Amino acid sequence: MFRFFRKKEVSKAAGTLAVGCGGGGCNIVNRLGRISAVDIITVNTDRKGLVRSRSNRRILIGDGSEAGCDGNAELAESLTREASEIINENIKRHLNIVLMVGLGGGTGTGSAKVIAEIARRNGSRVITMATLPMAFEASRRDTALNALNGIKEASDIMVVIDGDRLIRIDPDMGTREAFSVLDQMVCESFMGIIEMLESLGGESLYGMMRGKMFTVSFAEGMNAGKIAKDLVTGTMFDSDIVSGPLIFVRGNMPQDSEDMIRNAITESIGYEPAFVRGPHGQGMNAVMFVPVSVPF
């Protein structure tokens, strides 16, 4: 269903830093480190989790006990503010800060907003990429949903991928596999944004995406009709769509295929998508960023 991009040397001129926040964020950047040469740091309350991370730099907040902040997001927020000086020192030289976090626990949920605020005070652009827990993780899911608006307001762009939506799209998928696919989706989305930054330039991309919360969908193949259907049915968060989607295309998409996809999506969701073309290649590969509302 999904695949990794081949390992890509991200331009140092892009000035992009990926920050893994908490245990879930560290898992995501561990996967990212296998497919991208982007600069990575990790921030966690769990010393063992930091040691296992593939990051270039690691920042321990709190006392480093195995319990971390024991799922307490308010404590994690306080510990992150206490560590703001060392965090600032490690992120201040980067133009684009991409925060990666699995919401619902303590450290990631509590630290992401604070790190976003620190980065924006430095004049950095902040993109937060977050996953949501499945419905059976009821208390974690409530914690994650309650944190969405605050993190969105602290970020320039937010991308949300809902684990529960993945299970509904593919009911046969096991929980362990679902977590792995969610991490992969975040990495796919990250690589799409990085390539759009390289294709459009920062000001153009942020002009199109700033101030919004997005979810994503993915499709690839040779059939434009199937790609359009997969993009519409595979969106990864159930919320009201608020404006036209942005579709990043990698590969060789003929104009008639683009027109077919545009018309099908406009008819399905009521908004016309804009297209950004990336590297050429075989077949058609598309990532659709869909602007959605915060659920409450």
Foldseek 3Di string as FASTA:
>chain_A
DDDFDAADEFDVVQLEEEEQWELLRQVLVQVLVVRYPHAYEYEFCAQVSRVPGPHPYYHHFDPNDRCRVVQAQQVLLVRLVVVLVVLLVVRLRGQEYEYEAEAQGHGRLNNLLVSLQSNVVSVHAYEYEYEAEAVVSPNSNVRRLVSVVSNLVSHFEYEYFYLNLVCVVPVVDDPVVSSVVSSSVSSVVVVLVSQLCVQPNDVVVSVVGTSFYWWKFKDWFADLVVRLVRRVSGTGDDAQFDAAKEKEKEADQDPVSVVVSQVSNCVVRVYGYHYDYGYYDHTIIIMIITTGDSRD
